[in-house]
Amino acid sequence: MILSLAIAGGYAAYSRVFPAAHTTGGSEAQTAVAQRGDLVLSASGTGTLIANSDASFGFETSGQVTDIYVNVGDQVEAGAVLAQLDDTLPQMEYAEAQQSLQELGSAASIAAVQQEIGTARDTEFYAHEWLEYLISPEVVEAEENVAIAEQKLAEARAEATATPSDAAEQNVKEKEAAVKFLKETLAQTWTYYENEYLPETFGTYENIGSRRYPWEVLATEIDVETGEEVPVIDTPSIADIEIARNNLAQAQETVQEGELYLDALRTGVIPEGGTGERLTTLYEAQLAVEDATSALEAMQLIAPLNGTVTSLDLNTGEQVDTTTSVITISQLSQPYTLEVYLDEAEWDMAQLGNQVNVTFELLPEQTFPGTVTLVYPELSESFEAALVHLIVQLDQRISQDLPAGTGASVDVVGDEAKGVVLVPVGAIHETEDGRYAVTVIQNREQVEREVEIGLQNTTYAEIKSGLEAGEVVVTQ
């Protein structure tokens, strides 16, 4: 324990005086003068400057080291390249992946896609016209209107489920009414189709009347099953109509996929939910470039944080793998942090928030204030003797940059009393009733006086009451 004492106007002096009137045996009483001063109780320990954070790491892949760009002690920034592996093969693979992707987006490739989209649009047009011929333009239009309305209804229901509200519910009702109306319209167009469009478009007509005044009428025949006379109509088969629908859908899908692919080539962004063989090919080409890029990046040792290189186990030409950490970067941001150890006898000094005074070995002429920020609840057995383990942080930045591991002497302040009356501890004795007293030289007489004591160490004690500065007390 370090005990420091500062006396206002000087130091605690011992003096030898003539015997008091009541001394016996010719012996002299040793005395001291009570004076005002500062009494500080502190414990001395050793400290080491530690990093606020650090990272030990190595390469993400195996290979041969070709370049090392840093040394121990260098300051580095996050993202800096620290070392390099031989990347000859990854560079080749990256170039091939880039070439493949660029070819997909070349002018010739885009022109070919545009031509295919144009052909698909022509196919779509004729497929749409053929379906209209088979089931009538009115039915086709009504079916398309129903499909659009049903899609809008599905979107309105999804929105009402995600964010329920009166407005959203009203929107759903409106969309349901629209679907109902359009389905009724579709039913009417099918009635028109059966009664008018089929006979007009697919009926068999025959000429009647004279050569001079001919006209056509719908031919009839006898239904072999019912025996009724029915019009002769070559009605399109269900299979023919389904083939026409499929042809139209395929043409529309080809146009849509082509347009999505063309947009993806131009922007480099594959739309969510996009389908088609060409989009798959583009995605795989982009993924190949990303994988090649990652492989190249893995050949570099990248700093994950700002800091100082505190260890480096790496040599040019050696083989490394992913299992070994080859470098450590430590962050020594200010105010500095120290790891401190005290003797176990000073455990009572280890209090969170206690003030400390730090003197670094590299700056022996300066002392810096700090604070205890952490007290480990167990004694450290890392050394030959059990020690109290503390973490201390300086209260302010210092002008010098110090390396991690810098040693320091640390005084932890347990308690202090400033400007108080001080006497040597030898002047104090305990009375029979458990109180404390001093013997004061008063008119050359030894007079016992009760006092209240405060802080004390092995040398001095604080007198809180019962004695004034300047009075002489017997110390022996």
Protein backbone atom coordinates (compact mmCIF):
# COMPACT_ATOMS: atom_id res chain seq x y z
CA MET A 1 0.00 0.00 0.00
CA ILE A 2 1.29 3.45 -0.91
CA LEU A 3 0.49 6.05 1.74
CA SER A 4 0.92 9.63 0.75
CA LEU A 5 0.80 12.62 3.09
CA ALA A 6 1.05 16.29 2.19
CA ILE A 7 1.26 18.84 5.03
CA ALA A 8 0.17 22.41 4.42
CA GLY A 9 3.15 24.69 4.94
CA GLY A 10 5.65 21.86 5.38
CA TYR A 11 5.69 18.29 6.64
CA ALA A 12 4.85 16.50 9.84
CA ALA A 13 7.93 17.22 11.94
CA TYR A 14 9.03 15.35 15.00
CA SER A 15 10.58 17.40 17.85
CA ARG A 16 12.22 16.56 21.12
CA VAL A 17 11.24 18.81 24.10
CA PHE A 18 12.17 19.02 27.72
CA PRO A 19 10.41 16.69 30.12
CA ALA A 20 6.94 17.71 31.17
CA ALA A 21 6.26 18.41 34.78
CA HIS A 22 4.72 14.99 35.43
CA THR A 23 7.27 12.80 33.64
CA THR A 24 9.24 10.48 35.86
CA GLY A 25 12.55 8.66 35.89
CA GLY A 26 14.26 11.50 34.10
CA SER A 27 12.98 10.22 30.75
CA GLU A 28 12.01 12.66 28.02
CA ALA A 29 8.68 12.58 26.15
CA GLN A 30 8.91 12.54 22.31
CA THR A 31 6.41 14.92 20.77
CA ALA A 32 5.07 16.13 17.45
CA VAL A 33 3.14 19.19 16.31
CA ALA A 34 -0.37 18.64 14.90
CA GLN A 35 -0.55 20.28 11.49
CA ARG A 36 -3.00 20.58 8.63
CA GLY A 37 -2.45 18.54 5.49
CA ASP A 38 -3.85 16.00 3.04
CA LEU A 39 -4.01 12.29 3.77
CA VAL A 40 -4.44 9.93 0.83
CA LEU A 41 -4.93 6.19 1.09
CA SER A 42 -3.95 4.39 -2.10
CA ALA A 43 -2.79 1.04 -3.40
CA SER A 44 -0.01 0.63 -5.93
CA GLY A 45 -0.24 -1.86 -8.77
CA THR A 46 0.98 -2.58 -12.26
CA GLY A 47 -0.96 -2.02 -15.45
CA THR A 48 -0.76 -2.82 -19.14
CA LEU A 49 -2.29 -0.79 -21.98
CA ILE A 50 -4.82 -3.00 -23.74
CA ALA A 51 -6.83 -2.65 -26.93
CA ASN A 52 -10.46 -1.62 -26.76
CA SER A 53 -11.08 -4.38 -29.31
CA ASP A 54 -8.96 -6.59 -31.52
CA ALA A 55 -9.29 -9.18 -34.25
CA SER A 56 -7.08 -12.14 -35.09
CA PHE A 57 -7.77 -13.65 -38.49
CA GLY A 58 -6.35 -15.30 -41.59
CA PHE A 59 -7.13 -15.93 -45.25
CA GLU A 60 -10.52 -17.27 -46.35
CA THR A 61 -8.87 -19.73 -48.72
CA SER A 62 -5.63 -21.67 -49.12
CA GLY A 63 -2.76 -20.60 -51.32
CA GLN A 64 0.76 -19.24 -51.64
CA VAL A 65 1.58 -15.80 -50.23
CA THR A 66 2.88 -13.47 -52.96
CA ASP A 67 2.79 -10.07 -51.25
CA ILE A 68 2.67 -8.64 -47.70
CA TYR A 69 1.80 -4.96 -47.48
CA VAL A 70 2.03 -4.25 -43.71
CA ASN A 71 4.39 -4.61 -40.77
CA VAL A 72 3.83 -4.86 -37.04
CA GLY A 73 3.01 -1.39 -35.70
CA ASP A 74 1.40 -0.12 -38.90
CA GLN A 75 -1.90 1.74 -38.66
CA VAL A 76 -4.51 0.30 -41.04
CA GLU A 77 -8.07 1.16 -42.00
CA ALA A 78 -10.99 -1.23 -42.39
CA GLY A 79 -11.07 -2.62 -45.93
CA ALA A 80 -7.35 -2.21 -46.55
CA VAL A 81 -5.55 -5.07 -48.35
CA LEU A 82 -2.92 -6.46 -45.96
CA ALA A 83 -1.54 -9.40 -47.96
CA GLN A 84 -2.10 -11.26 -51.23
CA LEU A 85 -2.17 -14.90 -52.34
CA ASP A 86 -1.33 -16.13 -55.84
CA ASP A 87 -4.53 -15.40 -57.81
CA THR A 88 -3.51 -16.52 -61.31
CA LEU A 89 -6.23 -19.17 -61.65
CA PRO A 90 -9.05 -17.09 -60.03
CA GLN A 91 -8.16 -14.21 -62.37
CA MET A 92 -8.60 -16.51 -65.40
CA GLU A 93 -11.92 -17.82 -64.11
CA TYR A 94 -13.11 -14.29 -63.43
CA ALA A 95 -12.19 -13.17 -66.95
CA GLU A 96 -14.08 -16.13 -68.46
CA ALA A 97 -17.18 -15.43 -66.36
CA GLN A 98 -17.12 -11.75 -67.29
CA GLN A 99 -16.75 -12.62 -70.99
CA SER A 100 -19.75 -14.96 -70.90
CA LEU A 101 -21.90 -12.35 -69.21
CA GLN A 102 -20.83 -9.62 -71.63
CA GLU A 103 -21.67 -11.83 -74.62
CA LEU A 104 -25.23 -12.26 -73.35
CA GLY A 105 -25.64 -8.49 -73.28
CA SER A 106 -23.88 -7.77 -76.57
CA ALA A 107 -25.54 -5.74 -79.31
CA ALA A 108 -25.93 -8.85 -81.47
CA SER A 109 -27.59 -10.76 -78.62
CA ILE A 110 -30.00 -7.90 -77.90
CA ALA A 111 -30.87 -7.60 -81.60
CA ALA A 112 -31.65 -11.32 -81.76
CA VAL A 113 -33.95 -11.07 -78.75
CA GLN A 114 -35.73 -8.07 -80.23
CA GLN A 115 -36.31 -10.00 -83.45
CA GLU A 116 -37.73 -12.96 -81.55
CA ILE A 117 -40.05 -10.65 -79.63
CA GLY A 118 -41.28 -9.19 -82.92
CA THR A 119 -41.94 -12.66 -84.32
CA ALA A 120 -43.75 -13.67 -81.15
CA ARG A 121 -45.95 -10.57 -81.34
CA ASP A 122 -46.95 -11.48 -84.88
CA THR A 123 -47.78 -14.98 -83.69
CA GLU A 124 -49.77 -13.53 -80.83
CA PHE A 125 -51.73 -11.29 -83.19
CA TYR A 126 -52.73 -14.13 -85.52
CA ALA A 127 -53.46 -16.50 -82.63
CA HIS A 128 -55.74 -13.84 -81.12
CA GLU A 129 -57.53 -13.34 -84.45
CA TRP A 130 -58.01 -17.11 -84.87
CA LEU A 131 -59.51 -17.46 -81.38
CA GLU A 132 -61.84 -14.53 -82.11
CA TYR A 133 -62.92 -16.30 -85.29
CA LEU A 134 -63.68 -19.51 -83.41
CA ILE A 135 -65.60 -18.07 -80.46
CA SER A 136 -66.35 -14.50 -81.66
CA PRO A 137 -64.60 -11.21 -80.87
CA GLU A 138 -67.32 -10.41 -78.32
CA VAL A 139 -66.67 -13.55 -76.28
CA VAL A 140 -62.88 -13.07 -76.40
CA GLU A 141 -63.20 -9.48 -75.22
CA ALA A 142 -65.61 -10.42 -72.45
CA GLU A 143 -63.31 -13.22 -71.24
CA GLU A 144 -60.34 -10.86 -71.17
CA ASN A 145 -62.35 -8.29 -69.19
CA VAL A 146 -63.33 -10.93 -66.63
CA ALA A 147 -59.69 -12.05 -66.28
CA ILE A 148 -58.52 -8.48 -65.67
CA ALA A 149 -61.30 -7.84 -63.12
CA GLU A 150 -60.54 -11.09 -61.25
CA GLN A 151 -56.85 -10.10 -61.00
CA LYS A 152 -57.80 -6.72 -59.56
CA LEU A 153 -60.14 -8.42 -57.09
CA ALA A 154 -57.34 -10.74 -55.94
CA GLU A 155 -55.05 -7.74 -55.38
CA ALA A 156 -57.75 -5.86 -53.44
CA ARG A 157 -58.36 -8.89 -51.18
CA ALA A 158 -54.63 -9.26 -50.52
CA GLU A 159 -54.37 -5.58 -49.59
CA ALA A 160 -57.41 -5.80 -47.30
CA THR A 161 -55.84 -8.79 -45.54
CA ALA A 162 -52.47 -7.09 -45.14
CA THR A 163 -53.81 -3.68 -44.01
CA PRO A 164 -57.46 -4.00 -42.98
CA SER A 165 -59.55 -0.84 -43.15
CA ASP A 166 -63.04 0.31 -44.13
CA ALA A 167 -61.66 1.75 -47.37
CA ALA A 168 -59.93 -1.52 -48.26
CA GLU A 169 -63.09 -3.51 -47.55
CA GLN A 170 -65.12 -1.13 -49.69
CA ASN A 171 -62.58 -1.55 -52.49
CA VAL A 172 -63.03 -5.34 -52.31
CA LYS A 173 -66.80 -5.00 -52.55
CA GLU A 174 -66.48 -2.76 -55.61
CA LYS A 175 -64.14 -5.22 -57.31
CA GLU A 176 -66.52 -8.12 -56.50
CA ALA A 177 -69.41 -6.19 -58.07
CA ALA A 178 -67.33 -5.53 -61.19
CA VAL A 179 -66.47 -9.23 -61.54
CA LYS A 180 -70.12 -10.20 -61.14
CA PHE A 181 -71.23 -7.70 -63.79
CA LEU A 182 -68.58 -8.76 -66.30
CA LYS A 183 -69.40 -12.45 -65.80
CA GLU A 184 -73.04 -11.69 -66.55
CA THR A 185 -71.89 -9.83 -69.68
CA LEU A 186 -69.79 -12.87 -70.65
CA ALA A 187 -72.81 -15.13 -70.30
CA GLN A 188 -74.78 -12.84 -72.60
CA THR A 189 -72.01 -12.94 -75.21
CA TRP A 190 -72.09 -16.75 -75.14
CA THR A 191 -75.83 -16.61 -75.76
CA TYR A 192 -75.20 -14.30 -78.69
CA TYR A 193 -72.50 -16.73 -79.87
CA GLU A 194 -74.87 -19.70 -79.82
CA ASN A 195 -77.84 -17.93 -81.38
CA GLU A 196 -76.25 -15.62 -83.91
CA TYR A 197 -72.50 -15.95 -84.35
CA LEU A 198 -72.40 -19.72 -84.93
CA PRO A 199 -75.14 -19.79 -87.57
CA GLU A 200 -73.75 -16.73 -89.35
CA THR A 201 -70.11 -17.86 -89.29
CA PHE A 202 -70.21 -21.66 -89.42
CA GLY A 203 -73.67 -22.42 -90.84
CA THR A 204 -74.19 -24.09 -94.27
CA TYR A 205 -76.30 -21.97 -96.62
CA GLU A 206 -78.09 -22.93 -99.83
CA ASN A 207 -79.53 -20.87 -102.64
CA ILE A 208 -83.27 -20.81 -103.17
CA GLY A 209 -85.49 -18.89 -105.55
CA SER A 210 -84.98 -18.21 -109.21
CA ARG A 211 -81.83 -17.45 -111.01
CA ARG A 212 -83.00 -13.90 -111.39
CA TYR A 213 -83.95 -13.48 -107.74
CA PRO A 214 -81.78 -15.88 -105.69
CA TRP A 215 -81.23 -15.74 -101.93
CA GLU A 216 -79.52 -17.92 -99.34
CA VAL A 217 -81.07 -19.71 -96.44
CA LEU A 218 -79.53 -21.80 -93.72
CA ALA A 219 -79.56 -25.44 -94.72
CA THR A 220 -81.24 -27.93 -92.41
CA GLU A 221 -81.08 -31.63 -91.78
CA ILE A 222 -82.82 -34.24 -89.65
CA ASP A 223 -81.13 -35.04 -86.36
CA VAL A 224 -80.77 -38.83 -86.34
CA GLU A 225 -81.18 -38.99 -82.59
CA THR A 226 -84.12 -36.67 -82.08
CA GLY A 227 -85.68 -36.76 -85.53
CA GLU A 228 -85.94 -32.97 -85.46
CA GLU A 229 -85.01 -30.67 -88.26
CA VAL A 230 -81.93 -28.71 -87.23
CA PRO A 231 -79.69 -26.19 -89.01
CA VAL A 232 -76.49 -27.48 -90.56
CA ILE A 233 -73.67 -25.78 -88.59
CA ASP A 234 -69.99 -26.80 -88.61
CA THR A 235 -69.45 -25.81 -84.94
CA PRO A 236 -65.77 -25.54 -83.87
CA SER A 237 -64.83 -28.44 -81.66
CA ILE A 238 -63.79 -28.04 -78.03
CA ALA A 239 -60.36 -29.35 -79.01
CA ASP A 240 -59.98 -26.74 -81.74
CA ILE A 241 -60.90 -23.96 -79.31
CA GLU A 242 -58.45 -25.25 -76.65
CA ILE A 243 -55.65 -25.44 -79.23
CA ALA A 244 -56.36 -21.84 -80.21
CA ARG A 245 -56.34 -20.74 -76.56
CA ASN A 246 -53.04 -22.54 -75.91
CA ASN A 247 -51.43 -21.06 -79.00
CA LEU A 248 -52.44 -17.56 -77.88
CA ALA A 249 -51.21 -18.16 -74.31
CA GLN A 250 -47.86 -19.50 -75.53
CA ALA A 251 -47.36 -16.54 -77.84
CA GLN A 252 -48.21 -14.09 -75.03
CA GLU A 253 -45.83 -15.90 -72.67
CA THR A 254 -43.06 -15.77 -75.28
CA VAL A 255 -43.55 -12.03 -75.70
CA GLN A 256 -43.59 -11.44 -71.94
CA GLU A 257 -40.50 -13.55 -71.28
CA GLY A 258 -38.67 -11.88 -74.15
CA GLU A 259 -39.46 -8.39 -72.86
CA LEU A 260 -38.44 -9.30 -69.30
CA TYR A 261 -35.22 -10.83 -70.58
CA LEU A 262 -34.46 -7.80 -72.73
CA ASP A 263 -35.05 -5.46 -69.78
CA ALA A 264 -32.83 -7.65 -67.56
CA LEU A 265 -30.04 -7.51 -70.15
CA ARG A 266 -30.22 -3.73 -70.24
CA THR A 267 -30.45 -3.16 -66.47
CA GLY A 268 -28.65 -6.21 -65.11
CA VAL A 269 -31.58 -6.81 -62.71
CA ILE A 270 -33.55 -10.02 -62.97
CA PRO A 271 -37.20 -9.31 -62.02
CA GLU A 272 -38.62 -11.14 -59.03
CA GLY A 273 -40.68 -14.10 -60.20
CA GLY A 274 -39.27 -13.89 -63.75
CA THR A 275 -39.24 -17.22 -65.56
CA GLY A 276 -37.85 -18.59 -68.76
CA GLU A 277 -34.79 -20.43 -69.98
CA ARG A 278 -33.02 -17.23 -71.00
CA LEU A 279 -33.53 -15.54 -67.63
CA THR A 280 -32.14 -18.69 -66.01
CA THR A 281 -29.10 -18.51 -68.28
CA LEU A 282 -28.58 -14.84 -67.41
CA TYR A 283 -28.93 -15.57 -63.69
CA GLU A 284 -26.35 -18.36 -63.88
CA ALA A 285 -23.94 -16.08 -65.78
CA GLN A 286 -24.32 -13.34 -63.15
CA LEU A 287 -23.85 -15.88 -60.37
CA ALA A 288 -20.69 -17.15 -62.04
CA VAL A 289 -19.26 -13.60 -62.05
CA GLU A 290 -20.21 -13.13 -58.38
CA ASP A 291 -18.58 -16.44 -57.44
CA ALA A 292 -15.44 -15.55 -59.39
CA THR A 293 -15.34 -12.14 -57.71
CA SER A 294 -15.66 -13.74 -54.29
CA ALA A 295 -12.88 -16.18 -55.15
CA LEU A 296 -10.62 -13.27 -56.12
CA GLU A 297 -11.45 -11.36 -52.94
CA ALA A 298 -10.68 -14.45 -50.88
CA MET A 299 -7.11 -14.30 -52.18
CA GLN A 300 -6.65 -11.01 -50.31
CA LEU A 301 -6.28 -10.50 -46.58
CA ILE A 302 -8.65 -7.61 -45.76
CA ALA A 303 -8.60 -5.54 -42.57
CA PRO A 304 -12.00 -5.89 -40.82
CA LEU A 305 -11.50 -2.82 -38.62
CA ASN A 306 -9.37 0.26 -38.11
CA GLY A 307 -6.44 -0.30 -35.81
CA THR A 308 -2.79 -1.18 -35.31
CA VAL A 309 -1.10 -4.34 -36.53
CA THR A 310 0.08 -5.93 -33.28
CA SER A 311 1.15 -9.36 -34.58
CA LEU A 312 2.03 -10.77 -38.01
CA ASP A 313 2.93 -14.41 -38.63
CA LEU A 314 3.31 -14.44 -42.40
CA ASN A 315 6.12 -14.77 -44.93
CA THR A 316 6.22 -14.33 -48.69
CA GLY A 317 6.26 -17.65 -50.56
CA GLU A 318 4.77 -19.78 -47.78
CA GLN A 319 1.59 -21.84 -48.12
CA VAL A 320 -1.31 -20.91 -45.86
CA ASP A 321 -4.73 -22.40 -45.21
CA THR A 322 -7.98 -21.29 -43.61
CA THR A 323 -7.25 -22.78 -40.18
CA THR A 324 -4.52 -20.37 -39.13
CA SER A 325 -4.74 -16.79 -37.86
CA VAL A 326 -1.80 -14.90 -39.31
CA ILE A 327 -2.42 -11.34 -38.15
CA THR A 328 -3.90 -9.40 -35.23
CA ILE A 329 -5.24 -5.87 -35.47
CA SER A 330 -5.92 -3.99 -32.24
CA GLN A 331 -7.96 -0.85 -31.76
CA LEU A 332 -6.20 1.52 -29.38
CA SER A 333 -8.81 4.24 -29.43
CA GLN A 334 -8.53 6.91 -26.75
CA PRO A 335 -9.13 7.43 -23.88
CA TYR A 336 -6.83 4.47 -23.24
CA THR A 337 -7.83 1.38 -21.29
CA LEU A 338 -5.52 -0.54 -18.95
CA GLU A 339 -5.58 -3.95 -17.33
CA VAL A 340 -4.42 -3.52 -13.73
CA TYR A 341 -3.39 -5.94 -10.97
CA LEU A 342 -3.15 -5.23 -7.22
CA ASP A 343 -1.98 -7.37 -4.36
CA GLU A 344 -4.85 -9.30 -2.81
CA ALA A 345 -4.33 -7.40 0.45
CA GLU A 346 -5.55 -4.28 -1.36
CA TRP A 347 -8.95 -5.77 -2.21
CA ASP A 348 -10.69 -3.00 -0.24
CA MET A 349 -9.19 -0.45 -2.64
CA ALA A 350 -10.75 -2.19 -5.66
CA GLN A 351 -13.98 -0.27 -5.85
CA LEU A 352 -15.86 0.60 -9.02
CA GLY A 353 -15.52 4.34 -9.71
CA ASN A 354 -12.38 4.86 -7.61
CA GLN A 355 -9.93 7.37 -9.03
CA VAL A 356 -6.48 6.26 -10.19
CA ASN A 357 -3.21 7.90 -11.18
CA VAL A 358 -1.36 6.29 -14.08
CA THR A 359 2.29 6.71 -15.05
CA PHE A 360 3.34 4.96 -18.26
CA GLU A 361 6.82 3.50 -18.56
CA LEU A 362 7.21 5.32 -21.89
CA LEU A 363 6.15 8.64 -20.30
CA PRO A 364 7.73 8.50 -16.82
CA GLU A 365 7.54 12.24 -16.23
CA GLN A 366 3.77 12.48 -16.60
CA THR A 367 0.83 11.19 -14.55
CA PHE A 368 -2.65 10.79 -16.00
CA PRO A 369 -5.95 10.52 -14.06
CA GLY A 370 -8.31 7.64 -14.62
CA THR A 371 -11.22 5.68 -13.17
CA VAL A 372 -11.80 2.04 -12.19
CA THR A 373 -14.45 0.80 -14.66
CA LEU A 374 -14.47 -2.93 -13.83
CA VAL A 375 -13.55 -5.08 -10.84
CA TYR A 376 -13.39 -8.80 -11.51
CA PRO A 377 -15.23 -10.69 -8.75
CA GLU A 378 -12.51 -13.35 -8.38
CA LEU A 379 -8.82 -13.13 -7.65
CA SER A 380 -6.64 -13.80 -10.67
CA GLU A 381 -4.53 -16.93 -10.48
CA SER A 382 -2.59 -16.08 -13.66
CA PHE A 383 0.54 -15.18 -11.70
CA GLU A 384 2.53 -16.76 -8.89
CA ALA A 385 0.43 -14.90 -6.33
CA ALA A 386 -3.31 -14.29 -6.32
CA LEU A 387 -4.00 -10.74 -7.47
CA VAL A 388 -6.94 -8.37 -7.69
CA HIS A 389 -7.87 -7.80 -11.35
CA LEU A 390 -9.17 -4.38 -12.47
CA ILE A 391 -9.93 -2.51 -15.67
CA VAL A 392 -9.08 1.19 -15.66
CA GLN A 393 -9.85 3.86 -18.23
CA LEU A 394 -8.11 7.20 -18.45
CA ASP A 395 -10.37 10.17 -17.94
CA GLN A 396 -9.12 12.01 -21.02
CA ARG A 397 -7.17 11.63 -24.22
CA ILE A 398 -3.42 12.10 -24.12
CA SER A 399 -1.30 13.73 -26.78
CA GLN A 400 0.95 10.70 -27.36
CA ASP A 401 -0.02 7.51 -29.21
CA LEU A 402 1.17 4.48 -27.27
CA PRO A 403 1.43 0.86 -28.45
CA ALA A 404 -0.63 -1.93 -26.94
CA GLY A 405 1.23 -3.67 -24.12
CA THR A 406 2.80 -0.49 -22.75
CA GLY A 407 3.46 -0.98 -19.04
CA ALA A 408 2.39 1.45 -16.34
CA SER A 409 2.41 1.95 -12.61
CA VAL A 410 -1.03 2.63 -11.21
CA ASP A 411 -2.07 4.12 -7.87
CA VAL A 412 -5.68 3.38 -6.96
CA VAL A 413 -7.04 5.98 -4.57
CA GLY A 414 -9.14 4.37 -1.85
CA ASP A 415 -9.97 7.46 0.23
CA GLU A 416 -8.56 10.91 0.98
CA ALA A 417 -8.97 13.77 3.39
CA LYS A 418 -7.85 17.24 2.40
CA GLY A 419 -6.87 20.13 4.70
CA VAL A 420 -7.41 18.14 7.90
CA VAL A 421 -5.54 18.05 11.23
CA LEU A 422 -2.93 15.28 11.19
CA VAL A 423 -0.87 13.66 13.92
CA PRO A 424 1.41 10.61 13.94
CA VAL A 425 -0.49 7.43 14.76
CA GLY A 426 1.84 6.95 17.74
CA ALA A 427 0.20 9.94 19.41
CA ILE A 428 -3.19 8.18 19.62
CA HIS A 429 -4.14 5.63 22.28
CA GLU A 430 -7.40 3.91 23.12
CA THR A 431 -9.13 4.62 26.42
CA GLU A 432 -10.73 2.07 28.71
CA ASP A 433 -14.20 2.88 27.38
CA GLY A 434 -13.14 2.23 23.76
CA ARG A 435 -12.67 5.81 22.74
CA TYR A 436 -9.50 7.56 21.49
CA ALA A 437 -7.34 10.19 23.15
CA VAL A 438 -4.06 12.04 22.74
CA THR A 439 -1.71 13.49 25.33
CA VAL A 440 -1.32 17.21 24.75
CA ILE A 441 1.57 19.34 26.16
CA GLN A 442 -0.27 22.23 27.75
CA ASN A 443 1.65 24.72 29.96
CA ARG A 444 4.46 22.18 30.07
CA GLU A 445 1.99 19.73 31.50
CA GLN A 446 0.83 16.45 29.88
CA VAL A 447 -2.94 16.58 29.56
CA GLU A 448 -4.99 13.72 28.16
CA ARG A 449 -7.67 14.84 25.71
CA GLU A 450 -10.36 12.79 23.97
CA VAL A 451 -10.36 13.06 20.16
CA GLU A 452 -12.37 11.79 17.21
CA ILE A 453 -10.23 10.21 14.52
CA GLY A 454 -10.90 9.76 10.80
CA LEU A 455 -8.64 8.30 8.15
CA GLN A 456 -5.38 6.77 9.22
CA ASN A 457 -2.54 4.77 7.79
CA THR A 458 0.55 3.26 9.32
CA THR A 459 2.09 6.71 9.85
CA TYR A 460 -0.57 9.41 10.25
CA ALA A 461 -4.12 9.79 11.48
CA GLU A 462 -6.78 12.39 10.81
CA ILE A 463 -8.10 14.22 13.90
CA LYS A 464 -11.68 15.24 13.22
CA SER A 465 -12.28 16.93 16.61
CA GLY A 466 -10.61 17.48 19.99
CA LEU A 467 -7.33 18.92 18.75
CA GLU A 468 -6.26 22.00 16.84
CA ALA A 469 -3.44 22.43 14.41
CA GLY A 470 -0.30 23.75 16.14
CA GLU A 471 -0.85 21.90 19.39
CA VAL A 472 1.92 19.60 20.58
CA VAL A 473 1.16 15.97 21.30
CA VAL A 474 3.19 13.22 22.92
CA THR A 475 4.04 10.44 20.52
CA GLN A 476 5.82 8.08 22.90
